Amino acid sequence: MIKPQKTAAPTKPLTQDGERLSKHVAHLMRCSRREAEQYIEGGWVSVNSQVVEEPMARVTDQSVVVDPNASLMALTDVTLLLHKPPGFETMAAPGEAGKRVKPAQQLLLPASHWAQDPSGVRLLKHHFAKLSACVPLEPAASGLVVFTQDWRVLRKLTEDAALMEHELVVEVAGEVAPEVLQRLNADLSSDGQPLPPVKVSINSTSSTSTRLRFALKGAHPGLIAYLCERVGLHIQSIKRQRVGRVALAGLPEGQWRYLQAHERF
């Protein structure tokens, strides 16, 4: 691969004049216009030392540099894992934002990317486009939610939704008596229909509250609140810790990270 030479020192910002960045890069790299677009969309091209990912951007006499490690490999579809704070709608699209709706997807910003993300994925603007929310979670709850561009992940979380185990930690006021815990673990029904089975255990206790661990197959918004209400428990918070084999781990609330290559739901 030919390593392009830097142009003169930067003097102007991006402009509507001049030539398209893709044409300029094609000349620098002695490649086709489509290959130049791939370099740009892959985040390999900088203009005045700033990465530019838009092939249609125009340049005049700015410094345009292609990273020596630039690759023409196709952009990989990514999956983003968000630690959703309470009050955000998981399945709402950003365009639905309003006074009563706060889409969780609007939290997926470069500024909220977890600094300790272990994936090693290079952040690109492309990664925030065409994301699908996969697994619902109550607005009042916090915890792990999943957004993906990858059709394989979407299919897995959709087709196997009823088989995917979810782990949630639910904090309730006061103590939880053994007989109450037994009732939570019993087979229950509502309006003659059996409810999804759950496994409930005590995670921790304090002088004022108890943390319960719920494990159940599938996402069932409202189910935990219904079960707790039936046995007289007052919920203080709900947090989803895990979906399948993927857990929150140390991901801070309000931040997101990439699904790592070895992680599977």
Protein backbone atom coordinates (compact mmCIF):
# COMPACT_ATOMS: atom_id res chain seq x y z
CA MET A 1 0.00 0.00 0.00
CA ILE A 2 1.30 3.44 -0.89
CA LYS A 3 1.60 5.69 2.12
CA PRO A 4 0.36 9.16 1.12
CA GLN A 5 2.44 12.19 1.82
CA LYS A 6 1.03 14.98 3.96
CA THR A 7 0.01 18.10 2.16
CA ALA A 8 0.89 21.60 3.24
CA ALA A 9 0.14 22.71 6.78
CA PRO A 10 -3.61 23.06 7.44
CA THR A 11 -4.96 26.49 6.71
CA LYS A 12 -8.73 26.18 6.20
CA PRO A 13 -11.65 24.29 7.73
CA LEU A 14 -14.00 22.08 5.72
CA THR A 15 -15.87 24.07 3.12
CA GLN A 16 -18.55 23.83 0.43
CA ASP A 17 -15.90 24.74 -2.13
CA GLY A 18 -13.11 22.56 -3.46
CA GLU A 19 -13.37 18.88 -4.33
CA ARG A 20 -15.04 15.97 -2.61
CA LEU A 21 -12.95 14.24 -0.01
CA SER A 22 -13.54 10.88 -1.71
CA LYS A 23 -12.04 12.20 -4.96
CA HIS A 24 -9.07 13.65 -3.09
CA VAL A 25 -8.41 10.37 -1.26
CA ALA A 26 -8.77 8.38 -4.48
CA HIS A 27 -5.97 10.51 -5.95
CA LEU A 28 -3.81 10.15 -2.82
CA MET A 29 -4.21 6.38 -2.62
CA ARG A 30 -4.35 5.73 -6.39
CA CYS A 31 -7.52 3.77 -5.85
CA SER A 32 -11.12 3.80 -7.05
CA ARG A 33 -13.67 6.28 -5.74
CA ARG A 34 -15.54 3.46 -3.98
CA GLU A 35 -12.36 2.31 -2.23
CA ALA A 36 -11.72 5.91 -1.19
CA GLU A 37 -15.21 6.04 0.31
CA GLN A 38 -14.45 2.86 2.26
CA TYR A 39 -11.30 4.41 3.69
CA ILE A 40 -13.25 7.50 4.74
CA GLU A 41 -16.26 5.65 6.18
CA GLY A 42 -13.87 3.37 8.06
CA GLY A 43 -12.48 6.33 9.98
CA TRP A 44 -9.04 6.12 8.38
CA VAL A 45 -8.93 9.63 6.91
CA SER A 46 -8.16 12.82 8.81
CA VAL A 47 -8.52 16.40 7.62
CA ASN A 48 -6.54 18.96 9.57
CA SER A 49 -5.79 16.19 12.10
CA GLN A 50 -9.51 15.51 12.65
CA VAL A 51 -11.09 12.24 11.49
CA VAL A 52 -13.76 12.85 8.86
CA GLU A 53 -16.14 10.00 7.97
CA GLU A 54 -18.23 11.73 5.28
CA PRO A 55 -17.06 11.01 1.69
CA MET A 56 -19.12 13.98 0.45
CA ALA A 57 -17.17 16.49 2.58
CA ARG A 58 -15.24 19.01 0.50
CA VAL A 59 -11.63 20.07 0.89
CA THR A 60 -9.42 22.69 -0.70
CA ASP A 61 -5.90 23.03 0.66
CA GLN A 62 -6.39 21.31 4.03
CA SER A 63 -4.04 18.59 5.22
CA VAL A 64 -5.57 15.24 4.24
CA VAL A 65 -3.88 12.13 5.63
CA VAL A 66 -4.80 8.46 5.30
CA ASP A 67 -3.74 6.30 8.22
CA PRO A 68 -0.85 4.00 7.21
CA ASN A 69 -2.80 1.12 8.81
CA ALA A 70 -5.90 1.83 6.72
CA SER A 71 -7.87 -1.24 5.67
CA LEU A 72 -10.47 -1.85 2.98
CA MET A 73 -12.18 -4.53 5.02
CA ALA A 74 -15.94 -4.10 5.08
CA LEU A 75 -17.35 -2.24 8.06
CA THR A 76 -18.50 -4.70 10.71
CA ASP A 77 -22.00 -4.46 12.15
CA VAL A 78 -21.78 -3.81 15.87
CA THR A 79 -23.83 -4.42 19.00
CA LEU A 80 -23.94 -1.81 21.76
CA LEU A 81 -24.64 -2.61 25.41
CA LEU A 82 -26.12 0.23 27.45
CA HIS A 83 -26.55 0.50 31.21
CA LYS A 84 -29.92 2.23 31.04
CA PRO A 85 -30.82 4.60 33.87
CA PRO A 86 -34.41 4.64 35.16
CA GLY A 87 -36.85 6.82 33.24
CA PHE A 88 -35.82 5.91 29.68
CA GLU A 89 -37.85 3.94 27.13
CA THR A 90 -35.87 1.03 25.69
CA MET A 91 -37.92 0.38 22.57
CA ALA A 92 -38.68 4.02 21.65
CA ALA A 93 -36.88 5.47 18.62
CA PRO A 94 -34.92 8.74 18.99
CA GLY A 95 -37.48 10.47 16.77
CA GLU A 96 -40.17 9.77 19.37
CA ALA A 97 -38.47 11.90 22.02
CA GLY A 98 -40.81 14.30 23.78
CA LYS A 99 -41.90 15.54 27.18
CA ARG A 100 -43.22 12.12 28.17
CA VAL A 101 -40.87 9.89 26.18
CA LYS A 102 -37.11 9.65 26.67
CA PRO A 103 -35.68 7.05 24.27
CA ALA A 104 -32.77 5.14 25.77
CA GLN A 105 -31.11 5.17 22.34
CA GLN A 106 -30.42 8.89 22.69
CA LEU A 107 -27.87 7.98 25.37
CA LEU A 108 -25.71 6.24 22.75
CA LEU A 109 -23.23 9.05 22.14
CA PRO A 110 -19.44 9.16 21.78
CA ALA A 111 -19.29 11.11 25.05
CA SER A 112 -21.03 8.30 26.97
CA HIS A 113 -18.79 5.53 25.61
CA TRP A 114 -17.22 3.69 28.56
CA ALA A 115 -13.56 4.65 28.78
CA GLN A 116 -12.69 1.13 29.97
CA ASP A 117 -14.47 -0.65 27.11
CA PRO A 118 -12.41 -3.85 26.67
CA SER A 119 -13.57 -4.55 23.10
CA GLY A 120 -10.87 -2.55 21.32
CA VAL A 121 -13.39 -1.48 18.67
CA ARG A 122 -12.63 1.86 16.97
CA LEU A 123 -15.60 4.16 17.50
CA LEU A 124 -17.21 5.31 14.23
CA LYS A 125 -20.26 7.44 13.45
CA HIS A 126 -21.47 4.50 11.38
CA HIS A 127 -21.97 2.53 14.60
CA PHE A 128 -24.87 4.75 15.70
CA ALA A 129 -26.91 4.22 12.51
CA LYS A 130 -29.65 1.64 11.92
CA LEU A 131 -29.64 0.29 15.47
CA SER A 132 -32.43 -2.01 16.64
CA ALA A 133 -33.49 -2.29 20.27
CA CYS A 134 -33.71 -6.01 21.03
CA VAL A 135 -34.91 -6.66 24.57
CA PRO A 136 -37.55 -4.55 26.34
CA LEU A 137 -37.09 -3.26 29.88
CA GLU A 138 -39.52 -1.26 31.99
CA PRO A 139 -38.93 2.52 31.88
CA ALA A 140 -38.69 2.63 35.69
CA ALA A 141 -36.02 -0.08 35.72
CA SER A 142 -32.30 0.30 35.12
CA GLY A 143 -29.78 -2.14 33.74
CA LEU A 144 -28.63 -3.89 30.61
CA VAL A 145 -30.28 -3.11 27.29
CA VAL A 146 -29.07 -4.13 23.84
CA PHE A 147 -28.95 -2.25 20.54
CA THR A 148 -27.58 -3.93 17.43
CA GLN A 149 -26.86 -3.55 13.72
CA ASP A 150 -26.08 -7.26 13.46
CA TRP A 151 -28.96 -9.31 12.02
CA ARG A 152 -27.56 -12.44 13.68
CA VAL A 153 -27.78 -10.89 17.15
CA LEU A 154 -31.23 -9.51 16.40
CA ARG A 155 -32.44 -12.92 15.24
CA LYS A 156 -30.95 -14.65 18.28
CA LEU A 157 -32.58 -12.26 20.74
CA THR A 158 -35.89 -12.36 18.85
CA GLU A 159 -36.30 -16.02 17.93
CA ASP A 160 -34.88 -17.32 21.22
CA ALA A 161 -36.53 -14.63 23.36
CA ALA A 162 -38.61 -17.12 25.34
CA LEU A 163 -35.54 -19.25 26.10
CA MET A 164 -33.13 -16.45 27.05
CA GLU A 165 -32.59 -16.17 30.80
CA HIS A 166 -32.69 -12.71 32.35
CA GLU A 167 -31.21 -11.95 35.75
CA LEU A 168 -32.54 -8.96 37.68
CA VAL A 169 -31.84 -7.59 41.14
CA VAL A 170 -34.95 -6.16 42.78
CA GLU A 171 -34.69 -4.12 45.96
CA VAL A 172 -37.80 -4.20 48.14
CA ALA A 173 -38.61 -2.44 51.39
CA GLY A 174 -38.13 -4.33 54.65
CA GLU A 175 -37.50 -8.02 55.22
CA VAL A 176 -38.74 -10.87 53.04
CA ALA A 177 -40.14 -13.72 55.11
CA PRO A 178 -39.40 -17.33 54.05
CA GLU A 179 -43.06 -17.98 53.24
CA VAL A 180 -43.13 -14.91 50.96
CA LEU A 181 -40.04 -16.16 49.14
CA GLN A 182 -41.72 -19.54 48.77
CA ARG A 183 -44.81 -17.96 47.23
CA LEU A 184 -42.66 -16.04 44.74
CA ASN A 185 -41.07 -19.31 43.62
CA ALA A 186 -44.39 -21.15 43.33
CA ASP A 187 -46.15 -21.77 40.02
CA LEU A 188 -48.60 -18.90 39.61
CA SER A 189 -51.32 -17.99 37.16
CA SER A 190 -53.28 -14.89 36.19
CA ASP A 191 -56.80 -15.02 34.75
CA GLY A 192 -56.42 -18.76 34.36
CA GLN A 193 -53.17 -18.46 32.38
CA PRO A 194 -49.90 -19.76 33.84
CA LEU A 195 -47.27 -17.10 34.49
CA PRO A 196 -43.66 -17.61 33.38
CA PRO A 197 -41.76 -19.52 36.09
CA VAL A 198 -39.23 -17.51 38.08
CA LYS A 199 -36.44 -18.42 40.45
CA VAL A 200 -36.15 -15.97 43.33
CA SER A 201 -33.48 -15.88 46.02
CA ILE A 202 -32.23 -13.36 48.56
CA ASN A 203 -29.19 -11.50 47.25
CA SER A 204 -28.50 -9.30 50.29
CA THR A 205 -30.25 -7.61 53.19
CA SER A 206 -29.94 -4.40 55.17
CA SER A 207 -31.76 -2.88 58.11
CA THR A 208 -34.33 -1.27 55.80
CA SER A 209 -34.47 -3.34 52.60
CA THR A 210 -33.86 -6.68 50.90
CA ARG A 211 -32.33 -7.35 47.52
CA LEU A 212 -33.88 -10.23 45.64
CA ARG A 213 -32.36 -12.01 42.65
CA PHE A 214 -34.91 -12.91 39.98
CA ALA A 215 -34.02 -15.33 37.17
CA LEU A 216 -36.60 -15.91 34.46
CA LYS A 217 -36.79 -16.91 30.81
CA GLY A 218 -37.72 -14.10 28.46
CA ALA A 219 -38.41 -10.41 28.95
CA HIS A 220 -41.76 -9.82 30.63
CA PRO A 221 -42.15 -6.11 31.45
CA GLY A 222 -44.44 -5.68 34.44
CA LEU A 223 -44.22 -9.30 35.61
CA ILE A 224 -41.89 -8.69 38.54
CA ALA A 225 -43.96 -5.74 39.74
CA TYR A 226 -47.08 -7.91 39.53
CA LEU A 227 -45.49 -10.78 41.46
CA CYS A 228 -44.18 -8.50 44.20
CA GLU A 229 -47.53 -6.76 44.54
CA ARG A 230 -49.29 -10.12 44.94
CA VAL A 231 -47.18 -10.98 47.96
CA GLY A 232 -47.23 -7.49 49.48
CA LEU A 233 -43.68 -6.37 48.63
CA HIS A 234 -42.94 -2.72 47.85
CA ILE A 235 -40.36 -2.35 45.06
CA GLN A 236 -37.71 0.34 45.46
CA SER A 237 -35.65 -0.45 42.36
CA ILE A 238 -35.21 -2.99 39.56
CA LYS A 239 -31.93 -3.56 37.73
CA ARG A 240 -31.33 -6.07 34.93
CA GLN A 241 -27.87 -7.54 35.45
CA ARG A 242 -27.72 -10.10 32.66
CA VAL A 243 -29.30 -11.18 29.37
CA GLY A 244 -28.33 -14.74 28.45
CA ARG A 245 -24.57 -15.02 29.00
CA VAL A 246 -23.87 -11.28 28.68
CA ALA A 247 -23.75 -9.28 31.92
CA LEU A 248 -23.43 -5.64 32.93
CA ALA A 249 -20.25 -6.38 34.87
CA GLY A 250 -18.64 -3.01 35.68
CA LEU A 251 -20.42 -0.91 33.06
CA PRO A 252 -21.44 2.37 34.77
CA GLU A 253 -25.02 3.63 34.60
CA GLY A 254 -25.66 5.89 31.61
CA GLN A 255 -22.66 4.54 29.67
CA TRP A 256 -22.32 1.95 26.92
CA ARG A 257 -19.76 -0.42 25.48
CA TYR A 258 -19.37 -2.68 22.46
CA LEU A 259 -20.23 -6.38 22.57
CA GLN A 260 -16.87 -8.14 22.41
CA ALA A 261 -16.06 -10.59 19.62
CA HIS A 262 -16.06 -13.59 21.97
CA GLU A 263 -19.29 -12.70 23.80
CA ARG A 264 -22.43 -14.65 22.98
CA PHE A 265 -25.94 -14.24 24.32
